Amino acid sequence: MARLVDNPDLAFRLARAIVSDIALYNQEKVKEGIKNDNIFDLLAEELKEGRDHFYTRVSDGMTNRDHLFDRAIVDVMIKQAGKIESPIW
C-alpha cells in the first residue's frame, strides 16, 4: 500500500488534481452549475467521490484536511469558471 500524504502542500496538490479531473470530465455540469448557481447540487456525487478518494490518499491526522479539498474546489472549479455568465458574480 502506498504511503499516505502527510505534507499539506502535497495534499493540496493532490486535491487540485482530483478536482481538476472532476471539472474536466464534467465540463457541461460545471457550466450549468455556475450559470444556475447549483454547482454543488449538480456535482454532489462526483465531489463526494473525489473527496473520498482524497481521504484514502491523505493522512487523517492532517490538520485542515477538509479545508484543503474545499479550497481546491474554489481554486480549480469556481475561479476558472469566472467567465461564465452567472447571477453569483
N, C-alpha and C. Protein backbone atom coordinates (compact mmCIF):
# COMPACT_ATOMS: atom_id res chain seq x y z
N MET A 1 0.83 -1.18 0.00
CA MET A 1 0.00 0.00 0.00
C MET A 1 0.88 1.24 0.00
N ALA A 2 0.46 2.24 -0.75
CA ALA A 2 1.21 3.48 -0.84
C ALA A 2 1.17 4.23 0.49
N ARG A 3 2.22 4.98 0.74
CA ARG A 3 2.29 5.79 1.96
C ARG A 3 1.30 6.95 1.86
N LEU A 4 0.66 7.28 2.96
CA LEU A 4 -0.30 8.39 2.97
C LEU A 4 0.44 9.73 2.95
N VAL A 5 -0.13 10.67 2.25
CA VAL A 5 0.44 12.02 2.19
C VAL A 5 0.22 12.69 3.54
N ASP A 6 1.30 13.25 4.08
CA ASP A 6 1.17 13.96 5.35
C ASP A 6 1.73 15.38 5.27
N ASN A 7 2.04 15.82 4.06
CA ASN A 7 2.53 17.17 3.81
C ASN A 7 1.38 17.99 3.23
N PRO A 8 1.01 19.11 3.87
CA PRO A 8 -0.13 19.91 3.39
C PRO A 8 0.03 20.41 1.95
N ASP A 9 1.23 20.77 1.56
CA ASP A 9 1.44 21.24 0.19
C ASP A 9 1.18 20.13 -0.82
N LEU A 10 1.67 18.94 -0.52
CA LEU A 10 1.43 17.80 -1.42
C LEU A 10 -0.04 17.40 -1.41
N ALA A 11 -0.66 17.48 -0.25
CA ALA A 11 -2.09 17.15 -0.15
C ALA A 11 -2.92 18.14 -0.97
N PHE A 12 -2.56 19.41 -0.91
CA PHE A 12 -3.29 20.42 -1.69
C PHE A 12 -3.10 20.18 -3.18
N ARG A 13 -1.90 19.81 -3.57
CA ARG A 13 -1.64 19.49 -4.98
C ARG A 13 -2.49 18.31 -5.43
N LEU A 14 -2.57 17.30 -4.58
CA LEU A 14 -3.40 16.13 -4.88
C LEU A 14 -4.87 16.54 -5.00
N ALA A 15 -5.35 17.35 -4.07
CA ALA A 15 -6.74 17.81 -4.11
C ALA A 15 -7.02 18.57 -5.41
N ARG A 16 -6.09 19.42 -5.81
CA ARG A 16 -6.27 20.18 -7.05
C ARG A 16 -6.32 19.25 -8.26
N ALA A 17 -5.50 18.22 -8.26
CA ALA A 17 -5.51 17.27 -9.37
C ALA A 17 -6.84 16.52 -9.44
N ILE A 18 -7.35 16.11 -8.30
CA ILE A 18 -8.62 15.40 -8.25
C ILE A 18 -9.75 16.30 -8.73
N VAL A 19 -9.81 17.52 -8.22
CA VAL A 19 -10.86 18.45 -8.62
C VAL A 19 -10.72 18.83 -10.09
N SER A 20 -9.51 18.95 -10.56
CA SER A 20 -9.28 19.24 -11.97
C SER A 20 -9.86 18.14 -12.86
N ASP A 21 -9.66 16.89 -12.46
CA ASP A 21 -10.24 15.78 -13.22
C ASP A 21 -11.77 15.83 -13.19
N ILE A 22 -12.33 16.14 -12.03
CA ILE A 22 -13.79 16.24 -11.93
C ILE A 22 -14.29 17.32 -12.89
N ALA A 23 -13.65 18.48 -12.89
CA ALA A 23 -14.06 19.59 -13.76
C ALA A 23 -13.89 19.21 -15.23
N LEU A 24 -12.80 18.56 -15.55
CA LEU A 24 -12.52 18.19 -16.94
C LEU A 24 -13.57 17.23 -17.49
N TYR A 25 -13.93 16.22 -16.70
CA TYR A 25 -14.87 15.21 -17.17
C TYR A 25 -16.33 15.61 -17.01
N ASN A 26 -16.58 16.77 -16.42
CA ASN A 26 -17.95 17.24 -16.19
C ASN A 26 -18.09 18.71 -16.59
N GLN A 27 -17.51 19.07 -17.71
CA GLN A 27 -17.50 20.47 -18.13
C GLN A 27 -18.90 21.06 -18.28
N GLU A 28 -19.82 20.31 -18.84
CA GLU A 28 -21.17 20.82 -19.02
C GLU A 28 -21.88 21.02 -17.69
N LYS A 29 -21.68 20.11 -16.76
CA LYS A 29 -22.28 20.27 -15.43
C LYS A 29 -21.70 21.48 -14.72
N VAL A 30 -20.40 21.71 -14.86
CA VAL A 30 -19.77 22.87 -14.24
C VAL A 30 -20.37 24.14 -14.82
N LYS A 31 -20.46 24.20 -16.14
CA LYS A 31 -21.01 25.37 -16.81
C LYS A 31 -22.45 25.62 -16.37
N GLU A 32 -23.26 24.58 -16.39
CA GLU A 32 -24.66 24.70 -15.98
C GLU A 32 -24.77 25.07 -14.50
N GLY A 33 -23.95 24.46 -13.67
CA GLY A 33 -23.99 24.72 -12.24
C GLY A 33 -23.61 26.14 -11.87
N ILE A 34 -22.61 26.68 -12.57
CA ILE A 34 -22.22 28.07 -12.33
C ILE A 34 -23.33 29.00 -12.83
N LYS A 35 -23.81 28.72 -14.01
CA LYS A 35 -24.85 29.57 -14.62
C LYS A 35 -26.11 29.62 -13.76
N ASN A 36 -26.49 28.49 -13.17
CA ASN A 36 -27.74 28.40 -12.41
C ASN A 36 -27.52 28.41 -10.89
N ASP A 37 -26.29 28.62 -10.45
CA ASP A 37 -25.94 28.68 -9.04
C ASP A 37 -26.37 27.41 -8.28
N ASN A 38 -26.12 26.26 -8.90
CA ASN A 38 -26.41 24.98 -8.23
C ASN A 38 -25.31 23.95 -8.49
N ILE A 39 -24.08 24.44 -8.61
CA ILE A 39 -22.96 23.56 -8.96
C ILE A 39 -22.74 22.45 -7.94
N PHE A 40 -22.93 22.76 -6.66
CA PHE A 40 -22.69 21.74 -5.64
C PHE A 40 -23.79 20.68 -5.65
N ASP A 41 -24.98 21.03 -6.05
CA ASP A 41 -26.04 20.04 -6.21
C ASP A 41 -25.78 19.16 -7.42
N LEU A 42 -25.43 19.77 -8.54
CA LEU A 42 -25.19 19.02 -9.78
C LEU A 42 -24.01 18.07 -9.67
N LEU A 43 -22.99 18.49 -8.96
CA LEU A 43 -21.76 17.69 -8.86
C LEU A 43 -21.60 17.01 -7.50
N ALA A 44 -22.68 16.88 -6.76
CA ALA A 44 -22.60 16.31 -5.41
C ALA A 44 -21.96 14.92 -5.42
N GLU A 45 -22.39 14.07 -6.31
CA GLU A 45 -21.87 12.70 -6.35
C GLU A 45 -20.39 12.68 -6.74
N GLU A 46 -20.03 13.45 -7.75
CA GLU A 46 -18.64 13.49 -8.22
C GLU A 46 -17.72 14.09 -7.16
N LEU A 47 -18.18 15.15 -6.50
CA LEU A 47 -17.35 15.77 -5.46
C LEU A 47 -17.20 14.86 -4.25
N LYS A 48 -18.25 14.13 -3.90
CA LYS A 48 -18.15 13.18 -2.78
C LYS A 48 -17.16 12.07 -3.13
N GLU A 49 -17.26 11.56 -4.35
CA GLU A 49 -16.32 10.52 -4.78
C GLU A 49 -14.89 11.04 -4.78
N GLY A 50 -14.69 12.27 -5.25
CA GLY A 50 -13.36 12.87 -5.25
C GLY A 50 -12.82 13.08 -3.84
N ARG A 51 -13.69 13.56 -2.95
CA ARG A 51 -13.27 13.79 -1.56
C ARG A 51 -12.93 12.45 -0.90
N ASP A 52 -13.75 11.43 -1.14
CA ASP A 52 -13.47 10.10 -0.58
C ASP A 52 -12.12 9.58 -1.07
N HIS A 53 -11.83 9.78 -2.35
CA HIS A 53 -10.54 9.35 -2.90
C HIS A 53 -9.40 10.13 -2.22
N PHE A 54 -9.59 11.43 -2.07
CA PHE A 54 -8.60 12.27 -1.40
C PHE A 54 -8.32 11.75 0.00
N TYR A 55 -9.37 11.38 0.73
CA TYR A 55 -9.21 10.87 2.10
C TYR A 55 -8.43 9.55 2.14
N THR A 56 -8.55 8.74 1.10
CA THR A 56 -7.80 7.48 1.09
C THR A 56 -6.32 7.70 0.86
N ARG A 57 -5.96 8.86 0.33
CA ARG A 57 -4.56 9.13 -0.01
C ARG A 57 -3.86 10.06 0.98
N VAL A 58 -4.65 10.74 1.85
CA VAL A 58 -4.09 11.73 2.76
C VAL A 58 -4.29 11.28 4.20
N SER A 59 -3.29 11.47 5.02
CA SER A 59 -3.35 11.09 6.43
C SER A 59 -4.54 11.75 7.12
N ASP A 60 -5.30 10.96 7.86
CA ASP A 60 -6.48 11.52 8.54
C ASP A 60 -6.10 12.40 9.71
N GLY A 61 -4.86 12.39 10.11
CA GLY A 61 -4.40 13.25 11.19
C GLY A 61 -3.95 14.63 10.72
N MET A 62 -4.01 14.85 9.40
CA MET A 62 -3.56 16.14 8.87
C MET A 62 -4.55 17.25 9.24
N THR A 63 -4.03 18.32 9.80
CA THR A 63 -4.84 19.48 10.13
C THR A 63 -5.38 20.11 8.85
N ASN A 64 -6.63 20.53 8.89
CA ASN A 64 -7.27 21.23 7.77
C ASN A 64 -7.41 20.38 6.51
N ARG A 65 -7.51 19.09 6.66
CA ARG A 65 -7.65 18.21 5.51
C ARG A 65 -8.90 18.58 4.69
N ASP A 66 -10.02 18.82 5.36
CA ASP A 66 -11.25 19.21 4.66
C ASP A 66 -11.07 20.54 3.95
N HIS A 67 -10.44 21.46 4.63
CA HIS A 67 -10.23 22.79 4.07
C HIS A 67 -9.40 22.72 2.78
N LEU A 68 -8.42 21.86 2.72
CA LEU A 68 -7.58 21.74 1.53
C LEU A 68 -8.40 21.31 0.33
N PHE A 69 -9.29 20.35 0.52
CA PHE A 69 -10.11 19.90 -0.60
C PHE A 69 -11.10 20.99 -1.01
N ASP A 70 -11.72 21.65 -0.04
CA ASP A 70 -12.66 22.74 -0.33
C ASP A 70 -11.97 23.88 -1.08
N ARG A 71 -10.77 24.22 -0.65
CA ARG A 71 -10.01 25.28 -1.31
C ARG A 71 -9.67 24.89 -2.75
N ALA A 72 -9.39 23.62 -2.98
CA ALA A 72 -9.11 23.16 -4.34
C ALA A 72 -10.35 23.31 -5.22
N ILE A 73 -11.52 23.05 -4.67
CA ILE A 73 -12.76 23.22 -5.44
C ILE A 73 -12.88 24.67 -5.89
N VAL A 74 -12.66 25.59 -4.97
CA VAL A 74 -12.77 27.02 -5.30
C VAL A 74 -11.70 27.42 -6.31
N ASP A 75 -10.46 27.04 -6.06
CA ASP A 75 -9.35 27.43 -6.95
C ASP A 75 -9.48 26.85 -8.35
N VAL A 76 -9.84 25.60 -8.44
CA VAL A 76 -9.82 24.91 -9.73
C VAL A 76 -11.15 25.03 -10.46
N MET A 77 -12.23 24.85 -9.77
CA MET A 77 -13.52 24.77 -10.44
C MET A 77 -14.26 26.11 -10.48
N ILE A 78 -14.32 26.80 -9.37
CA ILE A 78 -15.13 28.01 -9.29
C ILE A 78 -14.41 29.21 -9.92
N LYS A 79 -13.19 29.48 -9.53
CA LYS A 79 -12.46 30.64 -10.06
C LYS A 79 -12.29 30.55 -11.58
N GLN A 80 -12.01 29.36 -12.08
CA GLN A 80 -11.78 29.22 -13.51
C GLN A 80 -13.07 29.34 -14.32
N ALA A 81 -14.20 29.27 -13.66
CA ALA A 81 -15.49 29.41 -14.35
C ALA A 81 -15.97 30.86 -14.31
N GLY A 82 -15.12 31.78 -13.93
CA GLY A 82 -15.49 33.18 -13.80
C GLY A 82 -15.98 33.83 -15.07
N LYS A 83 -15.66 33.27 -16.21
CA LYS A 83 -16.09 33.84 -17.48
C LYS A 83 -17.53 33.43 -17.84
N ILE A 84 -18.08 32.47 -17.11
CA ILE A 84 -19.45 32.02 -17.36
C ILE A 84 -20.42 33.02 -16.74
N GLU A 85 -21.36 33.48 -17.53
CA GLU A 85 -22.35 34.44 -17.03
C GLU A 85 -23.18 33.78 -15.94
N SER A 86 -23.29 34.48 -14.81
CA SER A 86 -23.99 33.90 -13.67
C SER A 86 -24.47 35.00 -12.72
N PRO A 87 -25.57 34.78 -12.05
CA PRO A 87 -26.03 35.76 -11.07
C PRO A 87 -25.17 35.77 -9.80
N ILE A 88 -24.27 34.78 -9.66
CA ILE A 88 -23.47 34.75 -8.44
C ILE A 88 -22.27 35.70 -8.48
N TRP A 89 -21.97 36.30 -9.65
CA TRP A 89 -20.92 37.30 -9.65
C TRP A 89 -21.47 38.62 -10.06
